[in-house]
Amino acid sequence: MSRATALTLALTLSAAAQAADGTLHPDRLSIGSDLTYPPYTYLDQGKPAGFDPEFMTLLGQHLKLAPQFQDTRFANLVMGVNARRFDAVASALYVTPERAAQVDFLPYLKSGASLMVRADDSFRPQAPQDLCGKRIGSIKGGSWIPKLMALSKSHCEANGQAPIDSREFPTSPEAAQALLAKAVDVQFEDAAVAAITADKLKGRVVISSHELIYPVVIGLAVRKGNDTLLGALRQGFEAMKHSGEYQTLLSRYNLGEPSPGEVAQALGQNPQAPAQ
């Protein structure tokens, strides 16, 4: 084997090892994010902005990795991280047992959903049970959609009411436009996103629900089995907590930290069971 061939082989093996475990590139953290979802992730003058970009920038500083965002539609994020298109997902990704079977999570936020309606509509739903027979707009892949469909059968149809008509859109702004255009009756949306949407639309839509619906835990996601990266992210996260950066960021965005019990419940685990 020639020296050049040996060098090429060594570089190839090194790159393969890096791609198989850890980050795809040694000097940066590649992040998949749907940059259409303020206040979590969006573009401001062409640059990533919002909670997740700020969070990942701080986290990257602790890991000594430069964050690099790849704008990816929400429905393709889990597939993308598993296909090694990026290292991690940071995009208000709700933690569910079904997703936890596909990716490994680092839970870091708590949120929930709200219902939005047009201001000129007298319909003011408070809970999912009020949505029978209504057209509901959501971002494609929203974790609440299976819950709505199950409720449609167990509550609406079981009580002789019309089923919930769920309609999915590629982005949250498109779902909001469908609401304004009367193509849907209600937008089912993350509570923080709903608040900023209602503010931006200057009174054309209102949040009709008063309490968080389907409270959820949000997590960073990495490819299943990528323990090296998951461990590094966890250490960086703990450093952010210790420095106070995390709590400052939560306060600015009016978000919360999930409790261990809430995390266990989101993952489908027994919160009383001893940690593994």
C-alpha atoms as a PDB file:
ATOM      1  CA  MET A   1       0.000   0.000   0.000  1.00  0.00           C
ATOM      2  CA  SER A   2       1.407   3.374  -1.009  1.00  0.00           C
ATOM      3  CA  ARG A   3       1.806   6.213   1.494  1.00  0.00           C
ATOM      4  CA  ALA A   4      -0.833   8.275  -0.359  1.00  0.00           C
ATOM      5  CA  THR A   5      -3.285   5.368  -0.332  1.00  0.00           C
ATOM      6  CA  ALA A   6      -2.666   4.776   3.357  1.00  0.00           C
ATOM      7  CA  LEU A   7      -3.231   8.452   4.123  1.00  0.00           C
ATOM      8  CA  THR A   8      -6.456   8.497   2.116  1.00  0.00           C
ATOM      9  CA  LEU A   9      -7.687   5.385   3.923  1.00  0.00           C
ATOM     10  CA  ALA A  10      -6.821   6.868   7.322  1.00  0.00           C
ATOM     11  CA  LEU A  11      -8.685  10.067   6.536  1.00  0.00           C
ATOM     12  CA  THR A  12     -11.683   8.108   5.267  1.00  0.00           C
ATOM     13  CA  LEU A  13     -11.796   5.949   8.393  1.00  0.00           C
ATOM     14  CA  SER A  14     -11.463   9.021  10.605  1.00  0.00           C
ATOM     15  CA  ALA A  15     -14.323  10.765   8.803  1.00  0.00           C
ATOM     16  CA  ALA A  16     -16.461   7.641   9.012  1.00  0.00           C
ATOM     17  CA  ALA A  17     -15.813   7.329  12.739  1.00  0.00           C
ATOM     18  CA  GLN A  18     -16.717  10.997  13.252  1.00  0.00           C
ATOM     19  CA  ALA A  19     -19.940  10.593  11.269  1.00  0.00           C
ATOM     20  CA  ALA A  20     -20.837   7.397  13.116  1.00  0.00           C
ATOM     21  CA  ASP A  21     -20.464   8.896  16.588  1.00  0.00           C
ATOM     22  CA  GLY A  22     -20.412  12.528  17.685  1.00  0.00           C
ATOM     23  CA  THR A  23     -20.713  15.402  15.231  1.00  0.00           C
ATOM     24  CA  LEU A  24     -20.500  15.195  11.464  1.00  0.00           C
ATOM     25  CA  HIS A  25     -17.715  17.805  11.516  1.00  0.00           C
ATOM     26  CA  PRO A  26     -15.161  18.263  14.312  1.00  0.00           C
ATOM     27  CA  ASP A  27     -15.454  22.045  14.563  1.00  0.00           C
ATOM     28  CA  ARG A  28     -19.181  22.674  14.308  1.00  0.00           C
ATOM     29  CA  LEU A  29     -22.596  21.496  15.411  1.00  0.00           C
ATOM     30  CA  SER A  30     -25.003  21.045  12.511  1.00  0.00           C
ATOM     31  CA  ILE A  31     -28.593  21.719  13.610  1.00  0.00           C
ATOM     32  CA  GLY A  32     -31.837  20.893  11.840  1.00  0.00           C
ATOM     33  CA  SER A  33     -34.539  23.462  12.572  1.00  0.00           C
ATOM     34  CA  ASP A  34     -37.773  24.641  10.986  1.00  0.00           C
ATOM     35  CA  LEU A  35     -37.008  28.356  10.778  1.00  0.00           C
ATOM     36  CA  THR A  36     -40.647  29.346  10.276  1.00  0.00           C
ATOM     37  CA  TYR A  37     -41.787  28.919  13.878  1.00  0.00           C
ATOM     38  CA  PRO A  38     -41.399  32.096  15.989  1.00  0.00           C
ATOM     39  CA  PRO A  39     -40.620  32.597  18.815  1.00  0.00           C
ATOM     40  CA  TYR A  40     -38.738  29.285  18.888  1.00  0.00           C
ATOM     41  CA  THR A  41     -37.037  29.352  15.484  1.00  0.00           C
ATOM     42  CA  TYR A  42     -37.299  31.854  12.644  1.00  0.00           C
ATOM     43  CA  LEU A  43     -35.260  34.021  10.297  1.00  0.00           C
ATOM     44  CA  ASP A  44     -34.558  37.645  11.165  1.00  0.00           C
ATOM     45  CA  GLN A  45     -32.903  39.485   8.267  1.00  0.00           C
ATOM     46  CA  GLY A  46     -31.783  36.128   6.907  1.00  0.00           C
ATOM     47  CA  LYS A  47     -30.235  34.891  10.167  1.00  0.00           C
ATOM     48  CA  PRO A  48     -31.595  32.250  12.580  1.00  0.00           C
ATOM     49  CA  ALA A  49     -33.314  33.863  15.566  1.00  0.00           C
ATOM     50  CA  GLY A  50     -35.508  32.858  18.485  1.00  0.00           C
ATOM     51  CA  PHE A  51     -35.188  30.702  21.578  1.00  0.00           C
ATOM     52  CA  ASP A  52     -33.573  27.677  19.952  1.00  0.00           C
ATOM     53  CA  PRO A  53     -30.869  29.576  18.010  1.00  0.00           C
ATOM     54  CA  GLU A  54     -30.017  31.539  21.165  1.00  0.00           C
ATOM     55  CA  PHE A  55     -30.001  28.361  23.250  1.00  0.00           C
ATOM     56  CA  MET A  56     -27.844  26.456  20.754  1.00  0.00           C
ATOM     57  CA  THR A  57     -25.400  29.350  20.396  1.00  0.00           C
ATOM     58  CA  LEU A  58     -24.836  29.349  24.161  1.00  0.00           C
ATOM     59  CA  LEU A  59     -24.638  25.567  24.227  1.00  0.00           C
ATOM     60  CA  GLY A  60     -22.164  25.588  21.341  1.00  0.00           C
ATOM     61  CA  GLN A  61     -19.910  27.956  23.272  1.00  0.00           C
ATOM     62  CA  HIS A  62     -19.706  25.455  26.118  1.00  0.00           C
ATOM     63  CA  LEU A  63     -18.960  22.645  23.639  1.00  0.00           C
ATOM     64  CA  LYS A  64     -16.531  24.826  21.638  1.00  0.00           C
ATOM     65  CA  LEU A  65     -18.560  24.080  18.512  1.00  0.00           C
ATOM     66  CA  ALA A  66     -19.934  26.672  16.094  1.00  0.00           C
ATOM     67  CA  PRO A  67     -23.690  26.110  15.508  1.00  0.00           C
ATOM     68  CA  GLN A  68     -24.762  25.841  11.871  1.00  0.00           C
ATOM     69  CA  PHE A  69     -28.511  25.831  11.216  1.00  0.00           C
ATOM     70  CA  GLN A  70     -30.128  23.976   8.329  1.00  0.00           C
ATOM     71  CA  ASP A  71     -33.666  25.198   7.610  1.00  0.00           C
ATOM     72  CA  THR A  72     -35.737  22.002   7.392  1.00  0.00           C
ATOM     73  CA  ARG A  73     -39.496  21.566   7.412  1.00  0.00           C
ATOM     74  CA  PHE A  74     -40.803  20.173  10.672  1.00  0.00           C
ATOM     75  CA  ALA A  75     -42.103  16.886   9.274  1.00  0.00           C
ATOM     76  CA  ASN A  76     -38.611  16.025   7.952  1.00  0.00           C
ATOM     77  CA  LEU A  77     -36.555  16.759  11.061  1.00  0.00           C
ATOM     78  CA  VAL A  78     -36.512  13.304  12.673  1.00  0.00           C
ATOM     79  CA  MET A  79     -35.799  11.635   9.336  1.00  0.00           C
ATOM     80  CA  GLY A  80     -33.044  14.173   8.659  1.00  0.00           C
ATOM     81  CA  VAL A  81     -31.125  13.623  11.885  1.00  0.00           C
ATOM     82  CA  ASN A  82     -31.338   9.856  11.430  1.00  0.00           C
ATOM     83  CA  ALA A  83     -30.078  10.218   7.851  1.00  0.00           C
ATOM     84  CA  ARG A  84     -27.068  12.215   9.201  1.00  0.00           C
ATOM     85  CA  ARG A  85     -28.050  15.376   7.357  1.00  0.00           C
ATOM     86  CA  PHE A  86     -27.366  17.228  10.626  1.00  0.00           C
ATOM     87  CA  ASP A  87     -26.184  16.383  14.131  1.00  0.00           C
ATOM     88  CA  ALA A  88     -29.155  17.469  16.207  1.00  0.00           C
ATOM     89  CA  VAL A  89     -32.686  18.816  16.031  1.00  0.00           C
ATOM     90  CA  ALA A  90     -33.474  22.056  17.886  1.00  0.00           C
ATOM     91  CA  SER A  91     -36.937  23.087  16.749  1.00  0.00           C
ATOM     92  CA  ALA A  92     -39.548  22.979  19.528  1.00  0.00           C
ATOM     93  CA  LEU A  93     -39.716  19.200  19.025  1.00  0.00           C
ATOM     94  CA  TYR A  94     -42.213  17.688  21.471  1.00  0.00           C
ATOM     95  CA  VAL A  95     -40.992  14.630  23.375  1.00  0.00           C
ATOM     96  CA  THR A  96     -43.285  11.638  22.846  1.00  0.00           C
ATOM     97  CA  PRO A  97     -42.766   7.895  23.372  1.00  0.00           C
ATOM     98  CA  GLU A  98     -43.197   7.371  19.620  1.00  0.00           C
ATOM     99  CA  ARG A  99     -40.451   9.858  18.782  1.00  0.00           C
ATOM    100  CA  ALA A 100     -38.241   8.545  21.596  1.00  0.00           C
ATOM    101  CA  ALA A 101     -38.268   5.197  19.782  1.00  0.00           C
ATOM    102  CA  GLN A 102     -36.695   6.929  16.771  1.00  0.00           C
ATOM    103  CA  VAL A 103     -34.286   9.461  18.327  1.00  0.00           C
ATOM    104  CA  ASP A 104     -32.582  10.144  21.655  1.00  0.00           C
ATOM    105  CA  PHE A 105     -33.801  13.219  23.513  1.00  0.00           C
ATOM    106  CA  LEU A 106     -32.317  15.839  25.793  1.00  0.00           C
ATOM    107  CA  PRO A 107     -35.466  17.437  27.309  1.00  0.00           C
ATOM    108  CA  TYR A 108     -34.966  21.138  28.020  1.00  0.00           C
ATOM    109  CA  LEU A 109     -38.325  22.983  27.836  1.00  0.00           C
ATOM    110  CA  LYS A 110     -41.974  22.760  28.868  1.00  0.00           C
ATOM    111  CA  SER A 111     -44.870  24.200  26.889  1.00  0.00           C
ATOM    112  CA  GLY A 112     -48.389  23.341  25.735  1.00  0.00           C
ATOM    113  CA  ALA A 113     -50.935  24.233  23.078  1.00  0.00           C
ATOM    114  CA  SER A 114     -53.581  26.916  22.575  1.00  0.00           C
ATOM    115  CA  LEU A 115     -56.583  27.327  20.287  1.00  0.00           C
ATOM    116  CA  MET A 116     -56.772  30.331  17.958  1.00  0.00           C
ATOM    117  CA  VAL A 117     -59.848  31.579  16.104  1.00  0.00           C
ATOM    118  CA  ARG A 118     -60.657  34.593  13.949  1.00  0.00           C
ATOM    119  CA  ALA A 119     -61.627  37.653  15.961  1.00  0.00           C
ATOM    120  CA  ASP A 120     -64.807  38.066  13.892  1.00  0.00           C
ATOM    121  CA  ASP A 121     -65.965  34.513  14.649  1.00  0.00           C
ATOM    122  CA  SER A 122     -68.300  33.978  17.596  1.00  0.00           C
ATOM    123  CA  PHE A 123     -66.954  30.423  18.082  1.00  0.00           C
ATOM    124  CA  ARG A 124     -64.676  30.392  21.153  1.00  0.00           C
ATOM    125  CA  PRO A 125     -63.477  26.836  21.892  1.00  0.00           C
ATOM    126  CA  GLN A 126     -61.827  26.212  25.259  1.00  0.00           C
ATOM    127  CA  ALA A 127     -60.794  22.566  24.954  1.00  0.00           C
ATOM    128  CA  PRO A 128     -60.331  19.836  22.330  1.00  0.00           C
ATOM    129  CA  GLN A 129     -63.782  18.474  23.202  1.00  0.00           C
ATOM    130  CA  ASP A 130     -65.248  21.649  21.707  1.00  0.00           C
ATOM    131  CA  LEU A 131     -63.812  20.901  18.241  1.00  0.00           C
ATOM    132  CA  CYS A 132     -66.243  18.238  17.026  1.00  0.00           C
ATOM    133  CA  GLY A 133     -67.334  18.969  13.456  1.00  0.00           C
ATOM    134  CA  LYS A 134     -64.761  21.753  13.053  1.00  0.00           C
ATOM    135  CA  ARG A 135     -61.883  22.147  10.586  1.00  0.00           C
ATOM    136  CA  ILE A 136     -58.655  22.305  12.575  1.00  0.00           C
ATOM    137  CA  GLY A 137     -55.444  23.698  11.067  1.00  0.00           C
ATOM    138  CA  SER A 138     -52.050  22.563  12.390  1.00  0.00           C
ATOM    139  CA  ILE A 139     -48.422  22.479  11.370  1.00  0.00           C
ATOM    140  CA  LYS A 140     -47.703  19.182   9.609  1.00  0.00           C
ATOM    141  CA  GLY A 141     -46.485  16.537  12.054  1.00  0.00           C
ATOM    142  CA  GLY A 142     -47.802  18.259  15.192  1.00  0.00           C
ATOM    143  CA  SER A 143     -47.766  15.780  18.099  1.00  0.00           C
ATOM    144  CA  TRP A 144     -51.333  16.710  19.116  1.00  0.00           C
ATOM    145  CA  ILE A 145     -52.831  15.503  15.815  1.00  0.00           C
ATOM    146  CA  PRO A 146     -53.024  11.799  16.818  1.00  0.00           C
ATOM    147  CA  LYS A 147     -54.587  12.872  20.116  1.00  0.00           C
ATOM    148  CA  LEU A 148     -57.205  14.915  18.267  1.00  0.00           C
ATOM    149  CA  MET A 149     -58.001  12.001  15.968  1.00  0.00           C
ATOM    150  CA  ALA A 150     -58.357   9.644  18.920  1.00  0.00           C
ATOM    151  CA  LEU A 151     -60.612  12.171  20.671  1.00  0.00           C
ATOM    152  CA  SER A 152     -62.659  12.526  17.519  1.00  0.00           C
ATOM    153  CA  LYS A 153     -63.543   8.826  17.691  1.00  0.00           C
ATOM    154  CA  SER A 154     -63.845   8.431  21.458  1.00  0.00           C
ATOM    155  CA  HIS A 155     -65.769  11.648  22.114  1.00  0.00           C
ATOM    156  CA  CYS A 156     -67.227  13.223  18.978  1.00  0.00           C
ATOM    157  CA  GLU A 157     -68.325  10.166  16.997  1.00  0.00           C
ATOM    158  CA  ALA A 158     -69.121   8.157  20.138  1.00  0.00           C
ATOM    159  CA  ASN A 159     -71.597  10.872  21.128  1.00  0.00           C
ATOM    160  CA  GLY A 160     -73.177  11.166  17.697  1.00  0.00           C
ATOM    161  CA  GLN A 161     -71.334  14.366  16.743  1.00  0.00           C
ATOM    162  CA  ALA A 162     -69.445  15.088  13.538  1.00  0.00           C
ATOM    163  CA  PRO A 163     -65.751  14.122  13.589  1.00  0.00           C
ATOM    164  CA  ILE A 164     -62.890  16.590  13.870  1.00  0.00           C
ATOM    165  CA  ASP A 165     -61.571  17.539  10.425  1.00  0.00           C
ATOM    166  CA  SER A 166     -57.789  17.821  10.842  1.00  0.00           C
ATOM    167  CA  ARG A 167     -55.913  19.742   8.135  1.00  0.00           C
ATOM    168  CA  GLU A 168     -52.117  19.966   8.140  1.00  0.00           C
ATOM    169  CA  PHE A 169     -49.924  22.701   6.648  1.00  0.00           C
ATOM    170  CA  PRO A 170     -46.152  22.780   5.991  1.00  0.00           C
ATOM    171  CA  THR A 171     -45.607  25.740   8.318  1.00  0.00           C
ATOM    172  CA  SER A 172     -47.379  27.507  11.168  1.00  0.00           C
ATOM    173  CA  PRO A 173     -47.740  30.773   9.178  1.00  0.00           C
ATOM    174  CA  GLU A 174     -49.515  28.836   6.423  1.00  0.00           C
ATOM    175  CA  ALA A 175     -51.920  27.395   8.992  1.00  0.00           C
ATOM    176  CA  ALA A 176     -52.558  30.950  10.237  1.00  0.00           C
ATOM    177  CA  GLN A 177     -53.231  32.145   6.693  1.00  0.00           C
ATOM    178  CA  ALA A 178     -55.704  29.290   6.254  1.00  0.00           C
ATOM    179  CA  LEU A 179     -57.466  30.482   9.410  1.00  0.00           C
ATOM    180  CA  LEU A 180     -57.669  34.052   8.111  1.00  0.00           C
ATOM    181  CA  ALA A 181     -58.926  32.778   4.740  1.00  0.00           C
ATOM    182  CA  LYS A 182     -61.663  30.759   6.512  1.00  0.00           C
ATOM    183  CA  ALA A 183     -60.232  27.513   5.109  1.00  0.00           C
ATOM    184  CA  VAL A 184     -60.139  26.238   8.717  1.00  0.00           C
ATOM    185  CA  ASP A 185     -62.188  27.198  11.770  1.00  0.00           C
ATOM    186  CA  VAL A 186     -59.492  26.869  14.432  1.00  0.00           C
ATOM    187  CA  GLN A 187     -55.710  26.809  14.544  1.00  0.00           C
ATOM    188  CA  PHE A 188     -54.286  24.361  17.073  1.00  0.00           C
ATOM    189  CA  GLU A 189     -50.874  25.760  17.979  1.00  0.00           C
ATOM    190  CA  ASP A 190     -48.064  25.755  20.517  1.00  0.00           C
ATOM    191  CA  ALA A 191     -48.921  28.323  23.202  1.00  0.00           C
ATOM    192  CA  ALA A 192     -45.820  30.513  22.734  1.00  0.00           C
ATOM    193  CA  VAL A 193     -46.229  30.455  18.949  1.00  0.00           C
ATOM    194  CA  ALA A 194     -49.939  31.272  19.272  1.00  0.00           C
ATOM    195  CA  ALA A 195     -49.178  34.286  21.457  1.00  0.00           C
ATOM    196  CA  ILE A 196     -46.698  35.791  19.007  1.00  0.00           C
ATOM    197  CA  THR A 197     -48.957  34.979  16.042  1.00  0.00           C
ATOM    198  CA  ALA A 198     -51.908  36.774  17.618  1.00  0.00           C
ATOM    199  CA  ASP A 199     -49.670  39.755  18.354  1.00  0.00           C
ATOM    200  CA  LYS A 200     -48.278  39.930  14.818  1.00  0.00           C
ATOM    201  CA  LEU A 201     -51.736  39.692  13.254  1.00  0.00           C
ATOM    202  CA  LYS A 202     -52.830  42.714  15.316  1.00  0.00           C
ATOM    203  CA  GLY A 203     -56.179  41.526  16.580  1.00  0.00           C
ATOM    204  CA  ARG A 204     -57.316  39.572  13.512  1.00  0.00           C
ATOM    205  CA  VAL A 205     -57.075  36.337  15.496  1.00  0.00           C
ATOM    206  CA  VAL A 206     -57.517  35.671  19.205  1.00  0.00           C
ATOM    207  CA  ILE A 207     -56.544  32.875  21.576  1.00  0.00           C
ATOM    208  CA  SER A 208     -59.813  31.399  22.798  1.00  0.00           C
ATOM    209  CA  SER A 209     -58.466  28.788  25.253  1.00  0.00           C
ATOM    210  CA  HIS A 210     -57.426  29.889  28.744  1.00  0.00           C
ATOM    211  CA  GLU A 211     -55.327  26.934  29.902  1.00  0.00           C
ATOM    212  CA  LEU A 212     -52.505  24.942  28.307  1.00  0.00           C
ATOM    213  CA  ILE A 213     -53.838  22.033  26.254  1.00  0.00           C
ATOM    214  CA  TYR A 214     -51.886  18.775  26.200  1.00  0.00           C
ATOM    215  CA  PRO A 215     -48.913  20.113  28.252  1.00  0.00           C
ATOM    216  CA  VAL A 216     -45.717  18.908  26.641  1.00  0.00           C
ATOM    217  CA  VAL A 217     -42.001  18.562  27.157  1.00  0.00           C
ATOM    218  CA  ILE A 218     -39.704  19.811  24.377  1.00  0.00           C
ATOM    219  CA  GLY A 219     -36.333  18.244  23.659  1.00  0.00           C
ATOM    220  CA  LEU A 220     -33.202  18.397  21.560  1.00  0.00           C
ATOM    221  CA  ALA A 221     -32.959  15.238  19.460  1.00  0.00           C
ATOM    222  CA  VAL A 222     -29.942  13.305  18.203  1.00  0.00           C
ATOM    223  CA  ARG A 223     -29.644  10.177  16.126  1.00  0.00           C
ATOM    224  CA  LYS A 224     -30.548   7.062  18.092  1.00  0.00           C
ATOM    225  CA  GLY A 225     -27.461   5.635  19.771  1.00  0.00           C
ATOM    226  CA  ASN A 226     -25.273   8.733  19.326  1.00  0.00           C
ATOM    227  CA  ASP A 227     -24.275   8.638  22.987  1.00  0.00           C
ATOM    228  CA  THR A 228     -21.115  10.697  22.492  1.00  0.00           C
ATOM    229  CA  LEU A 229     -23.014  13.729  21.224  1.00  0.00           C
ATOM    230  CA  LEU A 230     -25.895  13.262  23.660  1.00  0.00           C
ATOM    231  CA  GLY A 231     -23.450  13.156  26.576  1.00  0.00           C
ATOM    232  CA  ALA A 232     -21.657  16.280  25.374  1.00  0.00           C
ATOM    233  CA  LEU A 233     -24.958  18.158  24.956  1.00  0.00           C
ATOM    234  CA  ARG A 234     -26.034  17.109  28.434  1.00  0.00           C
ATOM    235  CA  GLN A 235     -22.768  18.360  29.965  1.00  0.00           C
ATOM    236  CA  GLY A 236     -23.061  21.667  28.119  1.00  0.00           C
ATOM    237  CA  PHE A 237     -26.665  22.022  29.280  1.00  0.00           C
ATOM    238  CA  GLU A 238     -25.655  21.497  32.901  1.00  0.00           C
ATOM    239  CA  ALA A 239     -22.943  24.153  32.488  1.00  0.00           C
ATOM    240  CA  MET A 240     -25.586  26.571  31.144  1.00  0.00           C
ATOM    241  CA  LYS A 241     -27.724  25.930  34.218  1.00  0.00           C
ATOM    242  CA  HIS A 242     -24.768  26.454  36.543  1.00  0.00           C
ATOM    243  CA  SER A 243     -23.871  29.769  34.885  1.00  0.00           C
ATOM    244  CA  GLY A 244     -27.461  31.068  35.027  1.00  0.00           C
ATOM    245  CA  GLU A 245     -27.645  31.485  31.229  1.00  0.00           C
ATOM    246  CA  TYR A 246     -30.443  28.950  30.924  1.00  0.00           C
ATOM    247  CA  GLN A 247     -32.688  30.544  33.540  1.00  0.00           C
ATOM    248  CA  THR A 248     -32.176  33.991  31.999  1.00  0.00           C
ATOM    249  CA  LEU A 249     -33.207  32.688  28.587  1.00  0.00           C
ATOM    250  CA  LEU A 250     -36.292  30.932  29.988  1.00  0.00           C
ATOM    251  CA  SER A 251     -37.415  34.124  31.702  1.00  0.00           C
ATOM    252  CA  ARG A 252     -37.041  36.208  28.551  1.00  0.00           C
ATOM    253  CA  TYR A 253     -39.231  33.832  26.541  1.00  0.00           C
ATOM    254  CA  ASN A 254     -41.698  33.048  29.356  1.00  0.00           C
ATOM    255  CA  LEU A 255     -40.980  29.314  29.193  1.00  0.00           C
ATOM    256  CA  GLY A 256     -40.359  26.702  31.871  1.00  0.00           C
ATOM    257  CA  GLU A 257     -38.069  23.805  32.735  1.00  0.00           C
ATOM    258  CA  PRO A 258     -39.746  20.382  32.885  1.00  0.00           C
ATOM    259  CA  SER A 259     -39.540  18.391  36.098  1.00  0.00           C
ATOM    260  CA  PRO A 260     -38.042  14.861  36.120  1.00  0.00           C
ATOM    261  CA  GLY A 261     -41.562  13.473  36.531  1.00  0.00           C
ATOM    262  CA  GLU A 262     -42.835  15.399  33.513  1.00  0.00           C
ATOM    263  CA  VAL A 263     -39.882  14.172  31.456  1.00  0.00           C
ATOM    264  CA  ALA A 264     -40.515  10.569  32.476  1.00  0.00           C
ATOM    265  CA  GLN A 265     -44.190  10.892  31.589  1.00  0.00           C
ATOM    266  CA  ALA A 266     -43.356  12.433  28.192  1.00  0.00           C
ATOM    267  CA  LEU A 267     -41.030   9.524  27.438  1.00  0.00           C
ATOM    268  CA  GLY A 268     -43.688   7.006  28.454  1.00  0.00           C
ATOM    269  CA  GLN A 269     -41.690   5.876  31.471  1.00  0.00           C
ATOM    270  CA  ASN A 270     -42.844   5.148  35.006  1.00  0.00           C
ATOM    271  CA  PRO A 271     -41.882   8.270  36.991  1.00  0.00           C
ATOM    272  CA  GLN A 272     -41.664   6.136  40.151  1.00  0.00           C
ATOM    273  CA  ALA A 273     -39.193   3.706  38.606  1.00  0.00           C
ATOM    274  CA  PRO A 274     -35.506   4.079  39.559  1.00  0.00           C
ATOM    275  CA  ALA A 275     -33.310   5.818  36.974  1.00  0.00           C
ATOM    276  CA  GLN A 276     -31.283   3.528  34.745  1.00  0.00           C
END
